[in-house]
Structures are given as structure tokens and as C-alpha cells.
């Protein structure tokens, strides 16, 4: 029997993890995410400052069903017949959005920490 050729790339073991939504070739200063192309989701994110990625970028690990650029947006199958569109936002805008979300959570937690006004309710103690 002939000797098998050595594999050049890393082998993905049976039932091994394949990271199909990684993006290689991202530009610095941006946060990248896949968005399901359902309803108005892509348009909603555009209004929030996201942009559809159109530059050349490699998506996912080596596999049979590789991502394709349809027109100019970078898209890939995410399952269930749904396409994922690669989008990005400037890091500074994402940090601002995250700070706003954290403030809402902090404000809500603060209302829970305040003592009851008339003493008729129990006490809750929140620690981090």
C-alpha cells in the first residue's frame, strides 16, 4: 500500500470545533460582527453606525462551504437558511454604546439598593 501524504494544514478532529464565524483581515479600530439578514436588522444597524464590510476578508476556518461575497457585502451561511452579513462599527462608537447600556444597568441596580420608603418591604443586598 502506498504511503499517505502528510497533511500540511492542521487537522480538524472528528466532532472537533470549527470556528466558522472568524474573520481574518480585519482593519484596526473597528469591532466586527455577523448580523442575521432577516427583516430590517441590517438597516437598523446601519442607522446605529454600523457599516457592511465590503473589503477582502477571509471568513471561517478551512471548510467545504466557504463564505462568498455576493455583490460586495461579505456574507456566509449561519444555518437555517439564514445568511449572516459581516458588519463593523468604530471601536469608539461601540464603547459609547456599551457605556450607555452599563449606565442603564447601574441605575436599575441602584434603585434596588435604595432602602424602602415606608419600611414595609424586605431588603435586598447586591454585591459585585
N, C-alpha and C. Protein backbone atom coordinates (compact mmCIF):
# COMPACT_ATOMS: atom_id res chain seq x y z
N UNK A 1 0.84 -1.18 0.00
CA UNK A 1 0.00 0.00 0.00
C UNK A 1 0.88 1.25 0.00
N UNK A 2 0.51 2.23 -0.78
CA UNK A 2 1.31 3.45 -0.90
C UNK A 2 1.24 4.27 0.38
N UNK A 3 2.33 4.92 0.68
CA UNK A 3 2.40 5.76 1.89
C UNK A 3 1.54 7.01 1.68
N UNK A 4 0.74 7.35 2.69
CA UNK A 4 -0.13 8.52 2.59
C UNK A 4 0.70 9.79 2.71
N UNK A 5 0.26 10.85 1.99
CA UNK A 5 0.94 12.14 2.08
C UNK A 5 0.67 12.77 3.43
N UNK A 6 1.66 13.46 3.94
CA UNK A 6 1.49 14.17 5.21
C UNK A 6 0.58 15.38 4.98
N UNK A 7 -0.24 15.64 5.96
CA UNK A 7 -1.14 16.79 5.87
C UNK A 7 -0.36 18.06 6.16
N UNK A 8 -0.65 19.07 5.36
CA UNK A 8 0.06 20.33 5.50
C UNK A 8 -0.61 21.21 6.55
N UNK A 9 -1.93 21.28 6.52
CA UNK A 9 -2.64 22.14 7.46
C UNK A 9 -3.05 21.36 8.69
N UNK A 10 -3.51 22.07 9.71
CA UNK A 10 -3.92 21.43 10.95
C UNK A 10 -5.21 20.64 10.73
N UNK A 11 -5.26 19.46 11.26
CA UNK A 11 -6.43 18.59 11.12
C UNK A 11 -7.52 19.01 12.09
N UNK A 12 -8.78 19.02 11.61
CA UNK A 12 -9.92 19.24 12.49
C UNK A 12 -10.42 17.88 12.91
N UNK A 13 -10.31 17.54 14.21
CA UNK A 13 -10.69 16.20 14.65
C UNK A 13 -12.20 15.96 14.50
N UNK A 14 -12.56 14.67 14.46
CA UNK A 14 -13.97 14.29 14.41
C UNK A 14 -14.69 14.94 15.58
N UNK A 15 -15.82 15.56 15.29
CA UNK A 15 -16.59 16.30 16.29
C UNK A 15 -15.77 17.44 16.90
N UNK A 16 -14.76 17.89 16.16
CA UNK A 16 -13.92 18.98 16.64
C UNK A 16 -14.61 20.32 16.41
N UNK A 17 -14.13 21.32 17.09
CA UNK A 17 -14.69 22.67 16.98
C UNK A 17 -14.20 23.34 15.71
N UNK A 18 -15.12 23.86 14.94
CA UNK A 18 -14.79 24.65 13.76
C UNK A 18 -15.36 26.04 13.97
N UNK A 19 -14.52 27.02 13.96
CA UNK A 19 -14.98 28.37 14.17
C UNK A 19 -15.33 28.98 12.82
N UNK A 20 -16.57 28.85 12.43
CA UNK A 20 -16.99 29.27 11.09
C UNK A 20 -17.23 30.77 10.98
N UNK A 21 -17.25 31.48 12.09
CA UNK A 21 -17.54 32.91 12.03
C UNK A 21 -16.35 33.79 12.42
N UNK A 22 -15.14 33.27 12.27
CA UNK A 22 -13.97 34.10 12.49
C UNK A 22 -13.72 34.93 11.25
N UNK A 23 -13.11 36.07 11.42
CA UNK A 23 -12.80 36.94 10.28
C UNK A 23 -11.32 37.29 10.34
N UNK A 24 -10.61 36.98 9.27
CA UNK A 24 -9.19 37.30 9.19
C UNK A 24 -9.01 38.39 8.14
N UNK A 25 -8.27 39.43 8.51
CA UNK A 25 -8.07 40.55 7.61
C UNK A 25 -8.86 41.77 8.07
N UNK A 26 -9.22 41.78 9.38
CA UNK A 26 -9.98 42.91 9.92
C UNK A 26 -9.08 44.13 10.03
N UNK A 27 -9.66 45.28 9.83
CA UNK A 27 -8.93 46.54 9.98
C UNK A 27 -8.95 46.98 11.43
N UNK A 28 -7.84 47.54 11.89
CA UNK A 28 -7.76 48.05 13.26
C UNK A 28 -8.74 49.19 13.47
N UNK A 29 -9.22 49.31 14.71
CA UNK A 29 -10.10 50.42 15.07
C UNK A 29 -11.57 50.12 14.89
N UNK A 30 -11.90 48.87 14.53
CA UNK A 30 -13.30 48.51 14.30
C UNK A 30 -13.66 47.25 15.06
N UNK A 31 -14.93 47.16 15.46
CA UNK A 31 -15.49 45.94 16.03
C UNK A 31 -16.33 45.29 14.95
N UNK A 32 -16.07 44.01 14.69
CA UNK A 32 -16.76 43.28 13.64
C UNK A 32 -17.78 42.32 14.25
N UNK A 33 -18.92 42.13 13.54
CA UNK A 33 -19.93 41.17 13.96
C UNK A 33 -20.72 40.70 12.76
N UNK A 34 -21.23 39.47 12.86
CA UNK A 34 -22.15 38.97 11.85
C UNK A 34 -23.56 39.31 12.30
N UNK A 35 -24.38 39.74 11.36
CA UNK A 35 -25.76 40.08 11.63
C UNK A 35 -26.64 39.22 10.74
N UNK A 36 -27.62 38.55 11.33
CA UNK A 36 -28.55 37.76 10.53
C UNK A 36 -29.31 38.69 9.59
N UNK A 37 -29.35 38.30 8.33
CA UNK A 37 -30.04 39.11 7.31
C UNK A 37 -31.52 38.74 7.31
N UNK A 38 -32.21 39.15 8.36
CA UNK A 38 -33.64 38.91 8.49
C UNK A 38 -34.33 40.23 8.82
N UNK A 39 -35.50 40.40 8.24
CA UNK A 39 -36.25 41.63 8.49
C UNK A 39 -35.42 42.85 8.13
N UNK A 40 -35.46 43.85 8.99
CA UNK A 40 -34.74 45.11 8.78
C UNK A 40 -33.48 45.20 9.63
N UNK A 41 -32.97 44.06 10.11
CA UNK A 41 -31.85 44.08 11.05
C UNK A 41 -30.63 44.81 10.50
N UNK A 42 -30.25 44.54 9.25
CA UNK A 42 -29.07 45.18 8.67
C UNK A 42 -29.29 46.68 8.59
N UNK A 43 -30.45 47.10 8.13
CA UNK A 43 -30.74 48.54 8.02
C UNK A 43 -30.78 49.21 9.39
N UNK A 44 -31.32 48.51 10.39
CA UNK A 44 -31.35 49.06 11.75
C UNK A 44 -29.94 49.33 12.26
N UNK A 45 -29.04 48.39 12.02
CA UNK A 45 -27.66 48.57 12.49
C UNK A 45 -26.95 49.66 11.71
N UNK A 46 -27.27 49.84 10.45
CA UNK A 46 -26.68 50.95 9.68
C UNK A 46 -27.05 52.28 10.31
N UNK A 47 -28.30 52.39 10.78
CA UNK A 47 -28.74 53.63 11.43
C UNK A 47 -28.00 53.86 12.75
N UNK A 48 -27.50 52.79 13.36
CA UNK A 48 -26.77 52.90 14.62
C UNK A 48 -25.28 53.12 14.43
N UNK A 49 -24.84 53.20 13.17
CA UNK A 49 -23.43 53.48 12.90
C UNK A 49 -22.65 52.32 12.32
N UNK A 50 -23.26 51.15 12.20
CA UNK A 50 -22.57 50.01 11.60
C UNK A 50 -22.51 50.19 10.08
N UNK A 51 -21.52 49.58 9.47
CA UNK A 51 -21.42 49.56 8.01
C UNK A 51 -21.19 48.13 7.56
N UNK A 52 -21.68 47.82 6.36
CA UNK A 52 -21.49 46.49 5.80
C UNK A 52 -20.05 46.39 5.30
N UNK A 53 -19.37 45.30 5.65
CA UNK A 53 -17.98 45.10 5.26
C UNK A 53 -17.94 44.68 3.79
N UNK A 54 -17.12 45.39 3.01
CA UNK A 54 -17.00 45.08 1.59
C UNK A 54 -15.57 44.81 1.18
N UNK A 55 -14.59 45.04 2.07
CA UNK A 55 -13.21 44.80 1.69
C UNK A 55 -12.90 43.30 1.75
N UNK A 56 -11.83 42.88 1.11
CA UNK A 56 -11.45 41.48 1.04
C UNK A 56 -11.10 40.98 2.43
N UNK A 57 -11.76 39.91 2.85
CA UNK A 57 -11.57 39.37 4.19
C UNK A 57 -11.86 37.87 4.13
N UNK A 58 -11.12 37.07 4.91
CA UNK A 58 -11.32 35.62 4.93
C UNK A 58 -12.20 35.27 6.12
N UNK A 59 -13.26 34.52 5.86
CA UNK A 59 -14.22 34.16 6.90
C UNK A 59 -14.12 32.68 7.22
N UNK A 60 -14.05 32.34 8.49
CA UNK A 60 -14.12 30.97 8.96
C UNK A 60 -12.87 30.16 8.77
N UNK A 61 -12.89 28.98 9.39
CA UNK A 61 -11.82 28.01 9.22
C UNK A 61 -11.96 27.35 7.86
N UNK A 62 -10.93 26.63 7.46
CA UNK A 62 -10.98 25.91 6.20
C UNK A 62 -12.14 24.91 6.26
N UNK A 63 -13.01 24.96 5.27
CA UNK A 63 -14.15 24.05 5.22
C UNK A 63 -14.70 24.01 3.80
N UNK A 64 -15.63 23.09 3.57
CA UNK A 64 -16.18 22.93 2.23
C UNK A 64 -17.05 24.12 1.86
N UNK A 65 -17.97 24.49 2.74
CA UNK A 65 -18.90 25.59 2.44
C UNK A 65 -18.28 26.90 2.88
N UNK A 66 -17.45 27.48 2.06
CA UNK A 66 -16.80 28.72 2.43
C UNK A 66 -17.72 29.89 2.17
N UNK A 67 -17.43 31.01 2.82
CA UNK A 67 -18.25 32.20 2.63
C UNK A 67 -18.03 32.75 1.23
N UNK A 68 -19.02 33.49 0.77
CA UNK A 68 -18.95 34.08 -0.55
C UNK A 68 -19.29 35.54 -0.46
N UNK A 69 -18.72 36.32 -1.33
CA UNK A 69 -19.10 37.71 -1.41
C UNK A 69 -20.16 37.82 -2.50
N UNK A 70 -21.39 38.10 -2.10
CA UNK A 70 -22.49 38.26 -3.03
C UNK A 70 -22.61 39.74 -3.31
N UNK A 71 -22.33 40.16 -4.55
CA UNK A 71 -22.23 41.58 -4.83
C UNK A 71 -20.98 42.08 -4.17
N UNK A 72 -21.11 42.98 -3.22
CA UNK A 72 -19.93 43.40 -2.49
C UNK A 72 -19.96 43.09 -1.01
N UNK A 73 -21.12 42.89 -0.35
CA UNK A 73 -21.08 42.57 1.08
C UNK A 73 -20.48 41.19 1.34
N UNK A 74 -19.80 41.04 2.48
CA UNK A 74 -19.28 39.75 2.90
C UNK A 74 -20.40 39.02 3.63
N UNK A 75 -20.81 37.86 3.10
CA UNK A 75 -21.90 37.08 3.71
C UNK A 75 -21.46 35.64 3.86
N UNK A 76 -22.11 34.92 4.79
CA UNK A 76 -21.85 33.50 4.99
C UNK A 76 -23.13 32.85 5.50
N UNK A 77 -23.25 31.55 5.33
CA UNK A 77 -24.39 30.81 5.86
C UNK A 77 -24.22 30.68 7.37
N UNK A 78 -25.29 30.97 8.11
CA UNK A 78 -25.24 30.82 9.56
C UNK A 78 -26.19 29.73 10.04
N UNK A 79 -26.86 29.07 9.13
CA UNK A 79 -27.74 27.96 9.47
C UNK A 79 -29.20 28.31 9.31
N UNK A 80 -30.01 27.29 9.09
CA UNK A 80 -31.45 27.51 8.96
C UNK A 80 -31.82 28.31 7.74
N UNK A 81 -30.97 28.31 6.71
CA UNK A 81 -31.26 29.08 5.51
C UNK A 81 -31.05 30.57 5.66
N UNK A 82 -30.42 30.99 6.75
CA UNK A 82 -30.20 32.42 7.02
C UNK A 82 -28.77 32.78 6.66
N UNK A 83 -28.61 33.92 6.04
CA UNK A 83 -27.29 34.45 5.71
C UNK A 83 -26.87 35.45 6.78
N UNK A 84 -25.59 35.43 7.11
CA UNK A 84 -25.02 36.40 8.03
C UNK A 84 -24.23 37.43 7.24
N UNK A 85 -24.48 38.68 7.50
CA UNK A 85 -23.78 39.78 6.84
C UNK A 85 -22.73 40.31 7.80
N UNK A 86 -21.49 40.40 7.35
CA UNK A 86 -20.43 40.93 8.20
C UNK A 86 -20.54 42.45 8.24
N UNK A 87 -20.63 42.98 9.46
CA UNK A 87 -20.74 44.43 9.66
C UNK A 87 -19.68 44.87 10.65
N UNK A 88 -19.42 46.15 10.67
CA UNK A 88 -18.44 46.69 11.62
C UNK A 88 -18.87 48.08 12.07
N UNK A 89 -18.32 48.46 13.24
CA UNK A 89 -18.56 49.78 13.80
C UNK A 89 -17.25 50.26 14.39
N UNK A 90 -17.04 51.56 14.41
CA UNK A 90 -15.83 52.10 15.02
C UNK A 90 -15.80 51.73 16.50
N UNK A 91 -14.63 51.38 17.01
CA UNK A 91 -14.50 50.98 18.41
C UNK A 91 -15.00 52.06 19.36
N UNK A 92 -14.71 53.32 19.05
CA UNK A 92 -15.13 54.40 19.95
C UNK A 92 -16.65 54.49 20.04
N UNK A 93 -17.36 54.25 18.94
CA UNK A 93 -18.83 54.29 18.97
C UNK A 93 -19.37 53.10 19.76
N UNK A 94 -18.74 51.94 19.58
CA UNK A 94 -19.18 50.75 20.33
C UNK A 94 -18.95 50.97 21.82
N UNK A 95 -17.81 51.56 22.19
CA UNK A 95 -17.53 51.83 23.60
C UNK A 95 -18.57 52.78 24.19
N UNK A 96 -18.98 53.79 23.41
CA UNK A 96 -20.02 54.72 23.87
C UNK A 96 -21.34 53.98 24.10
N UNK A 97 -21.71 53.11 23.14
CA UNK A 97 -22.95 52.33 23.27
C UNK A 97 -22.89 51.42 24.50
N UNK A 98 -21.74 50.76 24.71
CA UNK A 98 -21.58 49.88 25.86
C UNK A 98 -21.69 50.65 27.17
N UNK A 99 -21.15 51.87 27.20
CA UNK A 99 -21.22 52.69 28.41
C UNK A 99 -22.67 53.08 28.71
N UNK A 100 -23.43 53.40 27.66
CA UNK A 100 -24.85 53.73 27.86
C UNK A 100 -25.62 52.53 28.42
N UNK A 101 -25.36 51.34 27.87
CA UNK A 101 -26.02 50.13 28.36
C UNK A 101 -25.65 49.86 29.82
N UNK A 102 -24.38 50.02 30.16
CA UNK A 102 -23.92 49.80 31.53
C UNK A 102 -24.57 50.79 32.49
N UNK A 103 -24.75 52.03 32.06
CA UNK A 103 -25.39 53.05 32.91
C UNK A 103 -26.83 52.67 33.23
N UNK A 104 -27.55 52.14 32.24
CA UNK A 104 -28.93 51.71 32.48
C UNK A 104 -28.96 50.60 33.53
N UNK A 105 -28.05 49.63 33.40
CA UNK A 105 -27.99 48.54 34.37
C UNK A 105 -27.62 49.07 35.75
N UNK A 106 -26.62 49.95 35.82
CA UNK A 106 -26.20 50.53 37.10
C UNK A 106 -27.34 51.30 37.76
N UNK A 107 -28.07 52.09 36.97
CA UNK A 107 -29.19 52.85 37.52
C UNK A 107 -30.28 51.93 38.06
N UNK A 108 -30.55 50.86 37.34
CA UNK A 108 -31.56 49.90 37.80
C UNK A 108 -31.12 49.23 39.09
N UNK A 109 -29.86 48.82 39.16
CA UNK A 109 -29.35 48.20 40.38
C UNK A 109 -29.39 49.18 41.55
N UNK A 110 -29.13 50.44 41.28
CA UNK A 110 -29.14 51.45 42.35
C UNK A 110 -30.55 51.59 42.94
N UNK A 111 -31.57 51.53 42.11
CA UNK A 111 -32.94 51.62 42.64
C UNK A 111 -33.26 50.41 43.51
N UNK A 112 -32.66 49.28 43.21
CA UNK A 112 -32.88 48.09 44.03
C UNK A 112 -32.17 48.20 45.38
N UNK A 113 -31.06 48.91 45.43
CA UNK A 113 -30.29 49.06 46.66
C UNK A 113 -30.90 50.07 47.63
N UNK A 114 -31.68 51.01 47.11
CA UNK A 114 -32.26 52.05 47.98
C UNK A 114 -33.17 51.42 49.02
N UNK A 115 -33.10 51.90 50.25
CA UNK A 115 -33.95 51.34 51.30
C UNK A 115 -35.43 51.68 51.03
N UNK A 116 -36.35 50.84 51.52
CA UNK A 116 -37.77 51.12 51.31
C UNK A 116 -38.17 52.41 52.02
N UNK A 117 -39.10 53.12 51.43
CA UNK A 117 -39.52 54.41 51.97
C UNK A 117 -40.32 54.24 53.25
N UNK A 118 -41.27 53.31 53.25
CA UNK A 118 -42.13 53.16 54.42
C UNK A 118 -41.78 51.95 55.28
N UNK A 119 -40.71 51.24 54.94
CA UNK A 119 -40.27 50.11 55.75
C UNK A 119 -41.14 48.87 55.64
N UNK A 120 -42.08 48.84 54.71
CA UNK A 120 -42.98 47.70 54.61
C UNK A 120 -42.45 46.59 53.72
N UNK A 121 -41.37 46.84 53.06
CA UNK A 121 -40.87 45.84 52.13
C UNK A 121 -39.57 45.25 52.65
N UNK A 122 -39.19 44.10 52.11
CA UNK A 122 -37.97 43.43 52.53
C UNK A 122 -36.73 44.16 52.08
N UNK A 123 -35.61 43.54 52.29
CA UNK A 123 -34.33 44.16 51.97
C UNK A 123 -33.64 43.29 50.93
N UNK A 124 -32.92 43.94 50.05
CA UNK A 124 -32.11 43.22 49.06
C UNK A 124 -30.68 43.75 49.14
N UNK A 125 -29.73 42.84 49.07
CA UNK A 125 -28.34 43.22 49.15
C UNK A 125 -27.65 42.73 47.88
N UNK A 126 -27.17 43.68 47.05
CA UNK A 126 -26.49 43.34 45.81
C UNK A 126 -25.00 43.67 45.95
N UNK A 127 -24.18 42.70 45.64
CA UNK A 127 -22.74 42.94 45.65
C UNK A 127 -22.17 42.42 44.37
N UNK A 128 -21.05 42.98 43.97
CA UNK A 128 -20.35 42.51 42.76
C UNK A 128 -19.06 41.87 43.16
